[in-house]
Amino acid sequence: MTIPRAALYARVSTDDKGQSPDNQLADLRRFAQAQGWEITSEYSDFESGSKSTRPQFRSMLDAASRREFDLLLFWSLDRLSREGALKTLQILNQLAQWGVAYRSYTEAYLDSAGVFSDAIVALLATLAKQERIRIQERVKAGLDRARREGKRLGRRPTVLRRDVVADLRKSGWSWSRIANELGVHPSAVRRTAKRPGLVENPHQEGPG
């Protein structure tokens, strides 16, 4: 019988005062060892779960894509991601497509090898669908609001709204698709996503 290779993922936010990923990792190690799994790698981040750019999270996904482990064990779903149901579902689906199983330590029902796995994925898919609808509604409302405020949104907009860009990204749009939709250079879209508020005259910012 092949012993599953397990990777551990832990995360605490900068708002989690006095906490450390090490506390989560200690429990994850004990659980994995009790299951007879071979721990091949550990990842931990000290960042908000709303950021998909977390360095250890990205390293974990890269390793999963190369099938360097068979199973991912994380503390809880909100420790893995707090980017919303849509993004979380995409992460779990991506792991499954790579042939990597997943298990939540504190949520026994969230086990891709468990009896409730199909029901959980179906529930997340439903939540993700509703989230997509809400995002689309917010995007439309944002564009309508910009038009009412006299902002021209044609092929050469005079203003680029960060909230609109953020909502489109959450709905799964690529940078190039957003840029094409709003009529701006992709570099302007990327810079907008990193800045608060509005970016006036994005065409004047030049390539980047």
N, C-alpha and C. Protein backbone atom coordinates (compact mmCIF):
# COMPACT_ATOMS: atom_id res chain seq x y z
N MET A 1 0.84 -1.20 0.00
CA MET A 1 0.00 0.00 0.00
C MET A 1 0.88 1.25 0.00
N THR A 2 0.60 2.17 -0.92
CA THR A 2 1.39 3.40 -1.02
C THR A 2 0.98 4.38 0.07
N ILE A 3 1.96 4.91 0.77
CA ILE A 3 1.69 5.90 1.81
C ILE A 3 1.50 7.26 1.16
N PRO A 4 0.35 7.91 1.38
CA PRO A 4 0.12 9.23 0.77
C PRO A 4 1.15 10.26 1.22
N ARG A 5 1.60 11.06 0.28
CA ARG A 5 2.50 12.17 0.60
C ARG A 5 1.63 13.39 0.89
N ALA A 6 1.78 13.93 2.06
CA ALA A 6 0.94 15.04 2.49
C ALA A 6 1.73 16.34 2.59
N ALA A 7 1.08 17.43 2.15
CA ALA A 7 1.61 18.77 2.35
C ALA A 7 0.71 19.48 3.34
N LEU A 8 1.29 20.27 4.21
CA LEU A 8 0.54 21.00 5.22
C LEU A 8 0.53 22.48 4.87
N TYR A 9 -0.63 23.11 5.06
CA TYR A 9 -0.71 24.56 4.83
C TYR A 9 -1.36 25.24 6.03
N ALA A 10 -0.70 26.25 6.54
CA ALA A 10 -1.22 27.03 7.68
C ALA A 10 -1.13 28.50 7.34
N ARG A 11 -2.04 29.28 7.94
CA ARG A 11 -2.02 30.73 7.70
C ARG A 11 -2.63 31.46 8.88
N VAL A 12 -2.02 32.55 9.25
CA VAL A 12 -2.63 33.48 10.18
C VAL A 12 -2.57 34.86 9.54
N SER A 13 -3.56 35.66 9.84
CA SER A 13 -3.63 37.01 9.29
C SER A 13 -2.82 37.96 10.17
N THR A 14 -2.48 39.09 9.58
CA THR A 14 -1.80 40.12 10.37
C THR A 14 -2.72 40.66 11.46
N ASP A 15 -4.03 40.39 11.33
CA ASP A 15 -4.99 40.82 12.36
C ASP A 15 -5.10 39.82 13.50
N ASP A 16 -4.53 38.63 13.32
CA ASP A 16 -4.59 37.59 14.36
C ASP A 16 -3.50 37.85 15.38
N LYS A 17 -3.78 38.73 16.31
CA LYS A 17 -2.78 39.15 17.28
C LYS A 17 -2.28 37.98 18.13
N GLY A 18 -0.96 37.88 18.23
CA GLY A 18 -0.37 36.88 19.11
C GLY A 18 -0.43 35.46 18.60
N GLN A 19 -0.90 35.25 17.38
CA GLN A 19 -0.99 33.90 16.85
C GLN A 19 0.16 33.63 15.89
N SER A 20 0.43 32.34 15.72
CA SER A 20 1.51 31.93 14.84
C SER A 20 1.07 30.73 14.02
N PRO A 21 1.51 30.64 12.77
CA PRO A 21 1.20 29.45 11.97
C PRO A 21 1.74 28.17 12.59
N ASP A 22 2.78 28.30 13.43
CA ASP A 22 3.37 27.12 14.05
C ASP A 22 2.37 26.36 14.91
N ASN A 23 1.44 27.07 15.53
CA ASN A 23 0.44 26.40 16.35
C ASN A 23 -0.45 25.51 15.49
N GLN A 24 -0.83 26.02 14.32
CA GLN A 24 -1.63 25.21 13.41
C GLN A 24 -0.83 24.04 12.87
N LEU A 25 0.41 24.29 12.51
CA LEU A 25 1.25 23.24 11.94
C LEU A 25 1.45 22.09 12.92
N ALA A 26 1.57 22.41 14.20
CA ALA A 26 1.77 21.35 15.20
C ALA A 26 0.60 20.38 15.20
N ASP A 27 -0.64 20.91 15.16
CA ASP A 27 -1.81 20.05 15.13
C ASP A 27 -1.92 19.30 13.80
N LEU A 28 -1.57 19.97 12.72
CA LEU A 28 -1.63 19.32 11.41
C LEU A 28 -0.63 18.16 11.34
N ARG A 29 0.54 18.35 11.92
CA ARG A 29 1.54 17.27 11.93
C ARG A 29 1.02 16.07 12.70
N ARG A 30 0.47 16.31 13.87
CA ARG A 30 -0.04 15.20 14.69
C ARG A 30 -1.14 14.45 13.96
N PHE A 31 -2.03 15.18 13.32
CA PHE A 31 -3.14 14.55 12.60
C PHE A 31 -2.62 13.71 11.44
N ALA A 32 -1.70 14.29 10.66
CA ALA A 32 -1.17 13.57 9.50
C ALA A 32 -0.43 12.30 9.93
N GLN A 33 0.33 12.41 10.99
CA GLN A 33 1.05 11.24 11.48
C GLN A 33 0.10 10.16 11.98
N ALA A 34 -1.00 10.57 12.61
CA ALA A 34 -1.99 9.61 13.09
C ALA A 34 -2.67 8.89 11.93
N GLN A 35 -2.76 9.57 10.77
CA GLN A 35 -3.36 8.95 9.60
C GLN A 35 -2.38 8.06 8.84
N GLY A 36 -1.12 8.13 9.24
CA GLY A 36 -0.10 7.35 8.56
C GLY A 36 0.40 7.99 7.29
N TRP A 37 0.20 9.31 7.15
CA TRP A 37 0.65 10.01 5.96
C TRP A 37 2.11 10.44 6.11
N GLU A 38 2.80 10.50 5.00
CA GLU A 38 4.17 11.01 4.98
C GLU A 38 4.15 12.50 4.70
N ILE A 39 4.63 13.29 5.63
CA ILE A 39 4.67 14.74 5.45
C ILE A 39 5.89 15.09 4.63
N THR A 40 5.66 15.60 3.44
CA THR A 40 6.77 15.92 2.55
C THR A 40 7.09 17.40 2.48
N SER A 41 6.12 18.25 2.85
CA SER A 41 6.36 19.69 2.77
C SER A 41 5.39 20.44 3.67
N GLU A 42 5.81 21.60 4.13
CA GLU A 42 4.98 22.46 4.95
C GLU A 42 5.05 23.88 4.42
N TYR A 43 3.90 24.55 4.42
CA TYR A 43 3.80 25.92 3.94
C TYR A 43 3.03 26.75 4.95
N SER A 44 3.47 27.97 5.18
CA SER A 44 2.75 28.83 6.11
C SER A 44 2.90 30.29 5.69
N ASP A 45 1.80 31.02 5.80
CA ASP A 45 1.79 32.43 5.45
C ASP A 45 1.32 33.25 6.64
N PHE A 46 1.83 34.47 6.72
CA PHE A 46 1.38 35.42 7.74
C PHE A 46 0.81 36.61 6.98
N GLU A 47 -0.31 36.37 6.30
CA GLU A 47 -0.93 37.38 5.45
C GLU A 47 -2.43 37.17 5.42
N SER A 48 -3.13 38.15 4.88
CA SER A 48 -4.57 38.04 4.71
C SER A 48 -4.90 36.95 3.71
N GLY A 49 -5.96 36.18 4.01
CA GLY A 49 -6.39 35.12 3.10
C GLY A 49 -7.09 35.64 1.87
N SER A 50 -7.31 36.95 1.81
CA SER A 50 -7.95 37.54 0.62
C SER A 50 -6.95 37.79 -0.49
N LYS A 51 -5.66 37.52 -0.22
CA LYS A 51 -4.62 37.74 -1.22
C LYS A 51 -4.18 36.42 -1.84
N SER A 52 -4.34 36.30 -3.15
CA SER A 52 -3.91 35.08 -3.83
C SER A 52 -2.41 35.11 -4.11
N THR A 53 -1.75 36.25 -3.79
CA THR A 53 -0.32 36.39 -4.04
C THR A 53 0.52 35.97 -2.84
N ARG A 54 -0.11 35.37 -1.83
CA ARG A 54 0.65 34.91 -0.67
C ARG A 54 1.80 34.00 -1.15
N PRO A 55 3.04 34.29 -0.76
CA PRO A 55 4.19 33.56 -1.32
C PRO A 55 4.16 32.06 -1.06
N GLN A 56 3.87 31.65 0.18
CA GLN A 56 3.85 30.23 0.48
C GLN A 56 2.65 29.53 -0.16
N PHE A 57 1.55 30.24 -0.26
CA PHE A 57 0.36 29.70 -0.93
C PHE A 57 0.68 29.42 -2.39
N ARG A 58 1.35 30.37 -3.05
CA ARG A 58 1.72 30.19 -4.45
C ARG A 58 2.71 29.03 -4.60
N SER A 59 3.66 28.93 -3.67
CA SER A 59 4.62 27.83 -3.72
C SER A 59 3.92 26.49 -3.58
N MET A 60 2.91 26.45 -2.69
CA MET A 60 2.15 25.22 -2.49
C MET A 60 1.44 24.81 -3.76
N LEU A 61 0.78 25.78 -4.44
CA LEU A 61 0.07 25.48 -5.68
C LEU A 61 1.04 25.03 -6.77
N ASP A 62 2.19 25.65 -6.83
CA ASP A 62 3.19 25.25 -7.83
C ASP A 62 3.62 23.80 -7.60
N ALA A 63 3.84 23.45 -6.34
CA ALA A 63 4.24 22.09 -6.01
C ALA A 63 3.11 21.11 -6.31
N ALA A 64 1.87 21.52 -6.04
CA ALA A 64 0.72 20.66 -6.34
C ALA A 64 0.60 20.40 -7.82
N SER A 65 0.86 21.43 -8.63
CA SER A 65 0.76 21.28 -10.09
C SER A 65 1.78 20.28 -10.61
N ARG A 66 2.88 20.10 -9.87
CA ARG A 66 3.92 19.15 -10.27
C ARG A 66 3.74 17.79 -9.57
N ARG A 67 2.62 17.65 -8.84
CA ARG A 67 2.30 16.43 -8.10
C ARG A 67 3.43 16.03 -7.15
N GLU A 68 3.96 17.02 -6.44
CA GLU A 68 5.00 16.74 -5.46
C GLU A 68 4.42 16.18 -4.17
N PHE A 69 3.10 16.23 -4.03
CA PHE A 69 2.42 15.59 -2.91
C PHE A 69 1.05 15.11 -3.38
N ASP A 70 0.46 14.21 -2.62
CA ASP A 70 -0.81 13.58 -3.01
C ASP A 70 -2.01 14.21 -2.32
N LEU A 71 -1.77 14.87 -1.20
CA LEU A 71 -2.87 15.39 -0.39
C LEU A 71 -2.46 16.67 0.30
N LEU A 72 -3.38 17.63 0.32
CA LEU A 72 -3.14 18.89 1.03
C LEU A 72 -4.01 18.93 2.27
N LEU A 73 -3.37 19.10 3.41
CA LEU A 73 -4.06 19.21 4.68
C LEU A 73 -3.94 20.64 5.17
N PHE A 74 -5.09 21.30 5.38
CA PHE A 74 -5.06 22.67 5.87
C PHE A 74 -5.94 22.78 7.11
N TRP A 75 -5.72 23.84 7.88
CA TRP A 75 -6.41 24.00 9.16
C TRP A 75 -7.92 24.13 8.99
N SER A 76 -8.34 25.04 8.13
CA SER A 76 -9.76 25.25 7.84
C SER A 76 -9.85 25.94 6.49
N LEU A 77 -11.03 25.93 5.91
CA LEU A 77 -11.20 26.49 4.58
C LEU A 77 -10.87 27.97 4.53
N ASP A 78 -11.23 28.70 5.59
CA ASP A 78 -10.93 30.13 5.58
C ASP A 78 -9.45 30.42 5.82
N ARG A 79 -8.70 29.43 6.28
CA ARG A 79 -7.25 29.58 6.36
C ARG A 79 -6.62 29.37 4.98
N LEU A 80 -7.27 28.52 4.17
CA LEU A 80 -6.76 28.28 2.82
C LEU A 80 -7.03 29.49 1.94
N SER A 81 -8.26 30.02 2.01
CA SER A 81 -8.61 31.17 1.18
C SER A 81 -9.80 31.90 1.77
N ARG A 82 -9.74 33.23 1.70
CA ARG A 82 -10.88 34.07 2.06
C ARG A 82 -11.21 34.99 0.89
N GLU A 83 -11.05 34.46 -0.31
CA GLU A 83 -11.29 35.24 -1.51
C GLU A 83 -12.72 35.06 -2.03
N GLY A 84 -13.56 34.41 -1.26
CA GLY A 84 -14.94 34.20 -1.69
C GLY A 84 -15.16 32.79 -2.21
N ALA A 85 -16.43 32.39 -2.30
CA ALA A 85 -16.78 31.03 -2.69
C ALA A 85 -16.29 30.70 -4.09
N LEU A 86 -16.39 31.65 -5.00
CA LEU A 86 -15.99 31.40 -6.39
C LEU A 86 -14.51 31.05 -6.48
N LYS A 87 -13.67 31.88 -5.90
CA LYS A 87 -12.22 31.64 -5.97
C LYS A 87 -11.85 30.38 -5.20
N THR A 88 -12.48 30.16 -4.05
CA THR A 88 -12.18 28.98 -3.26
C THR A 88 -12.52 27.72 -4.02
N LEU A 89 -13.67 27.73 -4.70
CA LEU A 89 -14.06 26.57 -5.51
C LEU A 89 -13.05 26.33 -6.63
N GLN A 90 -12.58 27.40 -7.23
CA GLN A 90 -11.59 27.27 -8.30
C GLN A 90 -10.30 26.63 -7.78
N ILE A 91 -9.91 26.99 -6.57
CA ILE A 91 -8.71 26.41 -5.98
C ILE A 91 -8.89 24.92 -5.74
N LEU A 92 -10.03 24.53 -5.14
CA LEU A 92 -10.29 23.12 -4.87
C LEU A 92 -10.40 22.33 -6.16
N ASN A 93 -11.06 22.90 -7.16
CA ASN A 93 -11.18 22.21 -8.44
C ASN A 93 -9.82 22.05 -9.11
N GLN A 94 -8.97 23.06 -8.97
CA GLN A 94 -7.65 22.97 -9.57
C GLN A 94 -6.83 21.86 -8.92
N LEU A 95 -6.92 21.76 -7.60
CA LEU A 95 -6.23 20.69 -6.90
C LEU A 95 -6.71 19.33 -7.40
N ALA A 96 -8.03 19.20 -7.53
CA ALA A 96 -8.60 17.93 -8.00
C ALA A 96 -8.13 17.59 -9.41
N GLN A 97 -8.06 18.61 -10.27
CA GLN A 97 -7.61 18.38 -11.64
C GLN A 97 -6.16 17.92 -11.68
N TRP A 98 -5.37 18.39 -10.72
CA TRP A 98 -3.97 17.95 -10.64
C TRP A 98 -3.84 16.58 -9.97
N GLY A 99 -4.95 16.03 -9.51
CA GLY A 99 -4.90 14.73 -8.84
C GLY A 99 -4.47 14.81 -7.40
N VAL A 100 -4.63 15.99 -6.80
CA VAL A 100 -4.25 16.20 -5.40
C VAL A 100 -5.52 16.25 -4.54
N ALA A 101 -5.60 15.39 -3.54
CA ALA A 101 -6.73 15.39 -2.63
C ALA A 101 -6.56 16.51 -1.61
N TYR A 102 -7.63 16.83 -0.88
CA TYR A 102 -7.54 17.87 0.14
C TYR A 102 -8.38 17.48 1.35
N ARG A 103 -7.98 18.00 2.50
CA ARG A 103 -8.69 17.71 3.74
C ARG A 103 -8.54 18.88 4.70
N SER A 104 -9.65 19.28 5.30
CA SER A 104 -9.63 20.32 6.32
C SER A 104 -9.52 19.66 7.69
N TYR A 105 -8.59 20.13 8.49
CA TYR A 105 -8.39 19.55 9.82
C TYR A 105 -9.57 19.81 10.75
N THR A 106 -10.11 21.00 10.75
CA THR A 106 -11.20 21.36 11.67
C THR A 106 -12.58 21.12 11.08
N GLU A 107 -12.65 20.80 9.79
CA GLU A 107 -13.94 20.56 9.13
C GLU A 107 -13.90 19.18 8.48
N ALA A 108 -14.22 18.16 9.27
CA ALA A 108 -14.06 16.78 8.82
C ALA A 108 -14.87 16.48 7.57
N TYR A 109 -15.97 17.20 7.37
CA TYR A 109 -16.80 16.97 6.20
C TYR A 109 -16.13 17.45 4.92
N LEU A 110 -15.15 18.35 5.05
CA LEU A 110 -14.46 18.90 3.88
C LEU A 110 -13.26 18.02 3.55
N ASP A 111 -13.57 16.89 2.94
CA ASP A 111 -12.58 15.86 2.64
C ASP A 111 -12.89 15.33 1.25
N SER A 112 -11.99 15.55 0.30
CA SER A 112 -12.26 15.16 -1.08
C SER A 112 -12.37 13.65 -1.24
N ALA A 113 -11.92 12.91 -0.22
CA ALA A 113 -12.04 11.45 -0.25
C ALA A 113 -13.19 10.97 0.64
N GLY A 114 -13.90 11.89 1.26
CA GLY A 114 -14.98 11.54 2.19
C GLY A 114 -16.31 11.35 1.49
N VAL A 115 -17.29 10.88 2.25
CA VAL A 115 -18.61 10.56 1.68
C VAL A 115 -19.39 11.82 1.31
N PHE A 116 -19.03 12.96 1.90
CA PHE A 116 -19.76 14.19 1.62
C PHE A 116 -19.07 15.08 0.60
N SER A 117 -18.02 14.58 -0.04
CA SER A 117 -17.23 15.43 -0.94
C SER A 117 -18.06 16.01 -2.07
N ASP A 118 -18.88 15.20 -2.72
CA ASP A 118 -19.69 15.69 -3.83
C ASP A 118 -20.69 16.75 -3.37
N ALA A 119 -21.28 16.54 -2.19
CA ALA A 119 -22.26 17.49 -1.67
C ALA A 119 -21.59 18.82 -1.34
N ILE A 120 -20.41 18.77 -0.78
CA ILE A 120 -19.69 20.00 -0.42
C ILE A 120 -19.33 20.78 -1.68
N VAL A 121 -18.81 20.09 -2.69
CA VAL A 121 -18.43 20.77 -3.93
C VAL A 121 -19.66 21.37 -4.60
N ALA A 122 -20.80 20.63 -4.56
CA ALA A 122 -22.04 21.15 -5.14
C ALA A 122 -22.49 22.41 -4.41
N LEU A 123 -22.37 22.40 -3.08
CA LEU A 123 -22.76 23.58 -2.30
C LEU A 123 -21.86 24.76 -2.63
N LEU A 124 -20.55 24.53 -2.70
CA LEU A 124 -19.63 25.60 -3.04
C LEU A 124 -19.91 26.14 -4.44
N ALA A 125 -20.27 25.24 -5.36
CA ALA A 125 -20.57 25.67 -6.72
C ALA A 125 -21.80 26.57 -6.74
N THR A 126 -22.80 26.23 -5.93
CA THR A 126 -24.00 27.06 -5.84
C THR A 126 -23.67 28.43 -5.27
N LEU A 127 -22.86 28.44 -4.21
CA LEU A 127 -22.45 29.71 -3.61
C LEU A 127 -21.64 30.53 -4.61
N ALA A 128 -20.77 29.85 -5.37
CA ALA A 128 -19.95 30.54 -6.35
C ALA A 128 -20.82 31.16 -7.44
N LYS A 129 -21.86 30.44 -7.86
CA LYS A 129 -22.76 30.97 -8.87
C LYS A 129 -23.45 32.24 -8.38
N GLN A 130 -23.92 32.20 -7.13
CA GLN A 130 -24.56 33.38 -6.57
C GLN A 130 -23.58 34.54 -6.44
N GLU A 131 -22.33 34.21 -6.10
CA GLU A 131 -21.31 35.25 -5.98
C GLU A 131 -21.03 35.88 -7.35
N ARG A 132 -21.00 35.06 -8.41
CA ARG A 132 -20.79 35.59 -9.75
C ARG A 132 -21.90 36.57 -10.12
N ILE A 133 -23.14 36.20 -9.77
CA ILE A 133 -24.28 37.07 -10.07
C ILE A 133 -24.14 38.39 -9.33
N ARG A 134 -23.76 38.32 -8.04
CA ARG A 134 -23.60 39.56 -7.25
C ARG A 134 -22.50 40.43 -7.83
N ILE A 135 -21.40 39.80 -8.25
CA ILE A 135 -20.29 40.55 -8.82
C ILE A 135 -20.72 41.23 -10.10
N GLN A 136 -21.43 40.50 -10.96
CA GLN A 136 -21.90 41.08 -12.22
C GLN A 136 -22.83 42.26 -11.96
N GLU A 137 -23.68 42.12 -10.93
CA GLU A 137 -24.58 43.21 -10.58
C GLU A 137 -23.81 44.42 -10.09
N ARG A 138 -22.75 44.18 -9.28
CA ARG A 138 -21.93 45.29 -8.78
C ARG A 138 -21.18 45.97 -9.91
N VAL A 139 -20.67 45.16 -10.86
CA VAL A 139 -19.95 45.73 -11.99
C VAL A 139 -20.87 46.62 -12.81
N LYS A 140 -22.08 46.13 -13.10
CA LYS A 140 -23.05 46.90 -13.87
C LYS A 140 -23.41 48.18 -13.13
N ALA A 141 -23.62 48.05 -11.80
CA ALA A 141 -23.97 49.23 -11.01
C ALA A 141 -22.83 50.24 -11.02
N GLY A 142 -21.58 49.74 -10.95
CA GLY A 142 -20.43 50.63 -10.97
C GLY A 142 -20.30 51.37 -12.28
N LEU A 143 -20.51 50.66 -13.39
CA LEU A 143 -20.44 51.31 -14.70
C LEU A 143 -21.57 52.31 -14.87
N ASP A 144 -22.78 51.92 -14.42
CA ASP A 144 -23.91 52.85 -14.51
C ASP A 144 -23.66 54.10 -13.67
N ARG A 145 -23.07 53.91 -12.49
CA ARG A 145 -22.79 55.05 -11.62
C ARG A 145 -21.76 55.98 -12.26
N ALA A 146 -20.74 55.38 -12.90
CA ALA A 146 -19.72 56.19 -13.55
C ALA A 146 -20.32 57.00 -14.69
N ARG A 147 -21.25 56.40 -15.41
CA ARG A 147 -21.90 57.12 -16.52
C ARG A 147 -22.75 58.27 -15.99
N ARG A 148 -23.49 58.00 -14.88
CA ARG A 148 -24.32 59.06 -14.30
C ARG A 148 -23.47 60.23 -13.82
N GLU A 149 -22.24 59.93 -13.40
CA GLU A 149 -21.34 60.97 -12.91
C GLU A 149 -20.62 61.68 -14.06
N GLY A 150 -20.99 61.28 -15.28
CA GLY A 150 -20.42 61.94 -16.44
C GLY A 150 -19.09 61.38 -16.89
N LYS A 151 -18.72 60.20 -16.39
CA LYS A 151 -17.47 59.57 -16.81
C LYS A 151 -17.71 58.83 -18.12
N ARG A 152 -16.83 59.09 -19.10
CA ARG A 152 -16.99 58.47 -20.41
C ARG A 152 -16.29 57.12 -20.42
N LEU A 153 -17.05 56.03 -20.72
CA LEU A 153 -16.52 54.68 -20.62
C LEU A 153 -16.39 53.98 -21.96
N GLY A 154 -16.23 54.67 -23.02
CA GLY A 154 -16.13 54.04 -24.32
C GLY A 154 -14.77 53.38 -24.51
N ARG A 155 -14.28 53.45 -25.73
CA ARG A 155 -12.97 52.86 -26.02
C ARG A 155 -11.85 53.69 -25.43
N ARG A 156 -12.13 54.95 -25.06
CA ARG A 156 -11.11 55.78 -24.43
C ARG A 156 -11.69 56.43 -23.17
N PRO A 157 -11.81 55.70 -22.10
CA PRO A 157 -12.41 56.25 -20.90
C PRO A 157 -11.52 57.29 -20.26
N THR A 158 -12.13 58.24 -19.57
CA THR A 158 -11.36 59.26 -18.86
C THR A 158 -11.12 58.86 -17.41
N VAL A 159 -11.74 57.78 -16.96
CA VAL A 159 -11.55 57.36 -15.59
C VAL A 159 -11.63 55.85 -15.51
N LEU A 160 -10.84 55.28 -14.66
CA LEU A 160 -10.82 53.83 -14.47
C LEU A 160 -11.09 53.55 -13.00
N ARG A 161 -12.18 52.84 -12.70
CA ARG A 161 -12.59 52.62 -11.32
C ARG A 161 -11.95 51.35 -10.77
N ARG A 162 -11.32 51.48 -9.61
CA ARG A 162 -10.68 50.32 -8.99
C ARG A 162 -11.70 49.28 -8.58
N ASP A 163 -12.89 49.71 -8.09
CA ASP A 163 -13.89 48.74 -7.64
C ASP A 163 -14.41 47.90 -8.80
N VAL A 164 -14.55 48.52 -9.98
CA VAL A 164 -15.00 47.78 -11.16
C VAL A 164 -13.95 46.75 -11.56
N VAL A 165 -12.68 47.16 -11.58
CA VAL A 165 -11.59 46.24 -11.92
C VAL A 165 -11.55 45.08 -10.94
N ALA A 166 -11.67 45.38 -9.65
CA ALA A 166 -11.61 44.33 -8.63
C ALA A 166 -12.75 43.34 -8.79
N ASP A 167 -13.94 43.82 -9.08
CA ASP A 167 -15.08 42.93 -9.25
C ASP A 167 -14.93 42.04 -10.48
N LEU A 168 -14.41 42.60 -11.55
CA LEU A 168 -14.20 41.80 -12.76
C LEU A 168 -13.15 40.72 -12.53
N ARG A 169 -12.10 41.05 -11.77
CA ARG A 169 -11.07 40.06 -11.46
C ARG A 169 -11.66 38.93 -10.61
N LYS A 170 -12.51 39.30 -9.64
CA LYS A 170 -13.14 38.28 -8.78
C LYS A 170 -14.04 37.35 -9.58
N SER A 171 -14.58 37.86 -10.66
CA SER A 171 -15.47 37.03 -11.48
C SER A 171 -14.69 36.17 -12.46
N GLY A 172 -13.35 36.25 -12.41
CA GLY A 172 -12.52 35.37 -13.22
C GLY A 172 -12.01 35.97 -14.51
N TRP A 173 -12.22 37.27 -14.73
CA TRP A 173 -11.76 37.91 -15.96
C TRP A 173 -10.24 38.08 -15.95
N SER A 174 -9.61 37.91 -17.10
CA SER A 174 -8.18 38.14 -17.22
C SER A 174 -7.91 39.64 -17.33
N TRP A 175 -6.64 40.03 -17.10
CA TRP A 175 -6.27 41.44 -17.22
C TRP A 175 -6.56 41.95 -18.63
N SER A 176 -6.22 41.15 -19.64
CA SER A 176 -6.42 41.60 -21.02
C SER A 176 -7.90 41.74 -21.36
N ARG A 177 -8.73 40.85 -20.82
CA ARG A 177 -10.17 40.94 -21.11
C ARG A 177 -10.76 42.20 -20.47
N ILE A 178 -10.32 42.50 -19.24
CA ILE A 178 -10.80 43.71 -18.57
C ILE A 178 -10.37 44.94 -19.36
N ALA A 179 -9.10 44.94 -19.77
CA ALA A 179 -8.58 46.09 -20.53
C ALA A 179 -9.36 46.27 -21.82
N ASN A 180 -9.66 45.18 -22.51
CA ASN A 180 -10.40 45.26 -23.75
C ASN A 180 -11.82 45.77 -23.52
N GLU A 181 -12.44 45.31 -22.43
CA GLU A 181 -13.81 45.73 -22.11
C GLU A 181 -13.88 47.21 -21.79
N LEU A 182 -12.89 47.71 -21.04
CA LEU A 182 -12.90 49.10 -20.60
C LEU A 182 -12.16 50.02 -21.56
N GLY A 183 -11.49 49.45 -22.56
CA GLY A 183 -10.82 50.27 -23.56
C GLY A 183 -9.56 50.93 -23.08
N VAL A 184 -8.75 50.20 -22.27
CA VAL A 184 -7.50 50.76 -21.77
C VAL A 184 -6.38 49.75 -21.98
N HIS A 185 -5.15 50.20 -21.71
CA HIS A 185 -4.00 49.30 -21.80
C HIS A 185 -4.00 48.37 -20.58
N PRO A 186 -3.63 47.08 -20.75
CA PRO A 186 -3.59 46.15 -19.61
C PRO A 186 -2.74 46.64 -18.44
N SER A 187 -1.67 47.37 -18.74
CA SER A 187 -0.82 47.88 -17.66
C SER A 187 -1.57 48.86 -16.78
N ALA A 188 -2.48 49.65 -17.39
CA ALA A 188 -3.28 50.60 -16.61
C ALA A 188 -4.24 49.87 -15.70
N VAL A 189 -4.77 48.75 -16.18
CA VAL A 189 -5.69 47.96 -15.36
C VAL A 189 -4.94 47.38 -14.16
N ARG A 190 -3.76 46.84 -14.40
CA ARG A 190 -2.96 46.26 -13.31
C ARG A 190 -2.61 47.31 -12.26
N ARG A 191 -2.21 48.49 -12.71
CA ARG A 191 -1.85 49.54 -11.75
C ARG A 191 -3.07 50.00 -10.97
N THR A 192 -4.20 50.04 -11.64
CA THR A 192 -5.43 50.46 -10.95
C THR A 192 -5.77 49.51 -9.82
N ALA A 193 -5.58 48.21 -10.06
CA ALA A 193 -5.92 47.21 -9.05
C ALA A 193 -5.08 47.35 -7.79
N LYS A 194 -3.92 47.99 -7.91
CA LYS A 194 -3.02 48.14 -6.76
C LYS A 194 -3.20 49.46 -6.03
N ARG A 195 -4.06 50.32 -6.58
CA ARG A 195 -4.20 51.66 -6.01
C ARG A 195 -5.60 51.89 -5.47
N PRO A 196 -5.73 52.71 -4.45
CA PRO A 196 -7.07 53.06 -3.95
C PRO A 196 -7.74 54.08 -4.84
N GLY A 197 -9.06 54.10 -4.82
CA GLY A 197 -9.80 55.16 -5.49
C GLY A 197 -9.81 55.02 -6.99
N LEU A 198 -9.65 56.15 -7.68
CA LEU A 198 -9.77 56.21 -9.13
C LEU A 198 -8.43 56.58 -9.75
N VAL A 199 -8.24 56.15 -11.00
CA VAL A 199 -7.07 56.56 -11.77
C VAL A 199 -7.57 57.39 -12.94
N GLU A 200 -7.25 58.68 -12.94
CA GLU A 200 -7.71 59.56 -14.00
C GLU A 200 -6.83 59.40 -15.25
N ASN A 201 -7.47 59.50 -16.42
CA ASN A 201 -6.78 59.48 -17.70
C ASN A 201 -5.76 58.35 -17.81
N PRO A 202 -6.19 57.09 -17.72
CA PRO A 202 -5.24 55.97 -17.73
C PRO A 202 -4.42 55.90 -18.99
N HIS A 203 -4.91 56.44 -20.13
CA HIS A 203 -4.15 56.38 -21.36
C HIS A 203 -2.90 57.25 -21.30
N GLN A 204 -2.85 58.18 -20.36
CA GLN A 204 -1.71 59.06 -20.24
C GLN A 204 -0.61 58.45 -19.38
N GLU A 205 -0.88 57.26 -18.82
CA GLU A 205 0.13 56.66 -17.94
C GLU A 205 1.22 55.95 -18.71
N GLY A 206 0.97 55.64 -19.97
CA GLY A 206 1.98 54.99 -20.77
C GLY A 206 2.04 53.52 -20.50
N PRO A 207 2.84 52.78 -21.25
CA PRO A 207 2.97 51.33 -21.08
C PRO A 207 3.73 51.02 -19.82
N GLY A 208 3.50 49.79 -19.30
CA GLY A 208 4.22 49.38 -18.11
C GLY A 208 4.25 47.91 -17.98
